[in-house]
C-alpha atoms as a PDB file:
ATOM      1  CA  MET A   1     -12.353   2.032  15.847  1.00  0.00           C
ATOM      2  CA  ASN A   2     -15.078   0.553  14.153  1.00  0.00           C
ATOM      3  CA  LEU A   3     -14.913  -0.043  10.418  1.00  0.00           C
ATOM      4  CA  THR A   4     -17.729  -0.979   8.068  1.00  0.00           C
ATOM      5  CA  THR A   5     -17.148  -4.078   5.601  1.00  0.00           C
ATOM      6  CA  LYS A   6     -16.373  -1.560   2.593  1.00  0.00           C
ATOM      7  CA  GLU A   7     -13.731   0.417   4.499  1.00  0.00           C
ATOM      8  CA  MET A   8     -12.050  -2.903   5.557  1.00  0.00           C
ATOM      9  CA  ILE A   9     -12.195  -4.315   1.964  1.00  0.00           C
ATOM     10  CA  VAL A  10     -10.861  -0.899   0.212  1.00  0.00           C
ATOM     11  CA  THR A  11      -8.233  -0.486   3.137  1.00  0.00           C
ATOM     12  CA  SER A  12      -7.021  -4.425   2.242  1.00  0.00           C
ATOM     13  CA  LEU A  13      -7.198  -3.694  -1.427  1.00  0.00           C
ATOM     14  CA  PHE A  14      -4.755  -0.378  -0.981  1.00  0.00           C
ATOM     15  CA  ALA A  15      -2.511  -2.604   1.254  1.00  0.00           C
ATOM     16  CA  ALA A  16      -2.318  -5.678  -1.418  1.00  0.00           C
ATOM     17  CA  LEU A  17      -1.886  -2.798  -4.349  1.00  0.00           C
ATOM     18  CA  THR A  18       1.028  -1.250  -2.362  1.00  0.00           C
ATOM     19  CA  ALA A  19       2.586  -4.722  -2.039  1.00  0.00           C
ATOM     20  CA  ILE A  20       2.057  -5.619  -5.737  1.00  0.00           C
ATOM     21  CA  GLY A  21       3.470  -2.095  -6.534  1.00  0.00           C
ATOM     22  CA  ALA A  22       6.790  -2.357  -4.852  1.00  0.00           C
ATOM     23  CA  LEU A  23       7.510  -5.195  -7.247  1.00  0.00           C
ATOM     24  CA  LEU A  24       6.584  -3.338 -10.309  1.00  0.00           C
ATOM     25  CA  THR A  25       9.535  -1.262 -11.564  1.00  0.00           C
ATOM     26  CA  ILE A  26       9.637   1.345 -14.103  1.00  0.00           C
ATOM     27  CA  PRO A  27      13.150   1.651 -15.429  1.00  0.00           C
ATOM     28  CA  ILE A  28      13.714   5.391 -15.895  1.00  0.00           C
ATOM     29  CA  GLY A  29      17.636   6.326 -15.754  1.00  0.00           C
ATOM     30  CA  PRO A  30      20.068   4.758 -13.334  1.00  0.00           C
ATOM     31  CA  VAL A  31      17.445   4.386 -10.479  1.00  0.00           C
ATOM     32  CA  PRO A  32      14.329   2.275 -10.950  1.00  0.00           C
ATOM     33  CA  VAL A  33      11.008   3.567  -9.455  1.00  0.00           C
ATOM     34  CA  THR A  34       8.557   1.542  -7.961  1.00  0.00           C
ATOM     35  CA  LEU A  35       4.898   2.076  -8.090  1.00  0.00           C
ATOM     36  CA  GLN A  36       4.735   1.390  -4.570  1.00  0.00           C
ATOM     37  CA  VAL A  37       4.870   5.517  -4.209  1.00  0.00           C
ATOM     38  CA  LEU A  38       1.827   5.898  -6.647  1.00  0.00           C
ATOM     39  CA  PHE A  39      -0.421   3.482  -4.560  1.00  0.00           C
ATOM     40  CA  THR A  40       0.836   4.828  -1.158  1.00  0.00           C
ATOM     41  CA  LEU A  41      -0.216   8.341  -2.129  1.00  0.00           C
ATOM     42  CA  THR A  42      -3.544   7.449  -3.845  1.00  0.00           C
ATOM     43  CA  ALA A  43      -4.467   5.501  -0.657  1.00  0.00           C
ATOM     44  CA  GLY A  44      -4.016   8.740   1.337  1.00  0.00           C
ATOM     45  CA  ALA A  45      -5.803  10.916  -1.285  1.00  0.00           C
ATOM     46  CA  LEU A  46      -8.541   8.337  -2.047  1.00  0.00           C
ATOM     47  CA  LEU A  47      -9.124   6.837   1.918  1.00  0.00           C
ATOM     48  CA  GLY A  48      -8.284   9.989   3.775  1.00  0.00           C
ATOM     49  CA  ALA A  49      -5.921  10.246   6.581  1.00  0.00           C
ATOM     50  CA  ARG A  50      -7.322   7.413   8.667  1.00  0.00           C
ATOM     51  CA  LEU A  51      -7.916   4.772   6.395  1.00  0.00           C
ATOM     52  CA  GLY A  52      -4.788   5.416   4.363  1.00  0.00           C
ATOM     53  CA  LEU A  53      -2.602   5.217   7.267  1.00  0.00           C
ATOM     54  CA  LEU A  54      -4.170   2.180   8.207  1.00  0.00           C
ATOM     55  CA  SER A  55      -3.680   0.433   4.714  1.00  0.00           C
ATOM     56  CA  GLN A  56      -0.033   1.361   5.181  1.00  0.00           C
ATOM     57  CA  ILE A  57      -0.027   0.038   8.626  1.00  0.00           C
ATOM     58  CA  LEU A  58      -1.189  -3.114   7.500  1.00  0.00           C
ATOM     59  CA  TYR A  59       1.168  -3.176   4.399  1.00  0.00           C
ATOM     60  CA  LEU A  60       4.032  -2.908   7.399  1.00  0.00           C
ATOM     61  CA  PHE A  61       2.420  -5.599   9.445  1.00  0.00           C
ATOM     62  CA  ILE A  62       2.352  -7.772   6.350  1.00  0.00           C
ATOM     63  CA  GLY A  63       6.031  -7.458   5.708  1.00  0.00           C
ATOM     64  CA  ALA A  64       6.880  -7.830   9.588  1.00  0.00           C
ATOM     65  CA  VAL A  65       4.941 -11.351   9.309  1.00  0.00           C
ATOM     66  CA  GLY A  66       7.441 -12.164   6.720  1.00  0.00           C
ATOM     67  CA  LEU A  67       5.926 -12.131   3.304  1.00  0.00           C
ATOM     68  CA  PRO A  68       8.539 -10.641   0.969  1.00  0.00           C
ATOM     69  CA  VAL A  69       6.305  -7.503   0.136  1.00  0.00           C
ATOM     70  CA  TYR A  70       9.376  -4.888   0.599  1.00  0.00           C
ATOM     71  CA  ALA A  71      10.737  -3.407  -2.628  1.00  0.00           C
END
């Protein structure tokens, strides 16, 4: 898979936004809602299936390495 520099930057940006969105909560009712869902769906809508999936795999990899990015 050959990626251009722009595709790498945008994919990494959405992985970072997903990680940041997991930490931001909106207190609606008894269960707070995180912005992680918004950034995940936005990545798929704006980047397409291939790059959206790649950004979320990168997010999972960042969490698997040990950084505290999961909600």
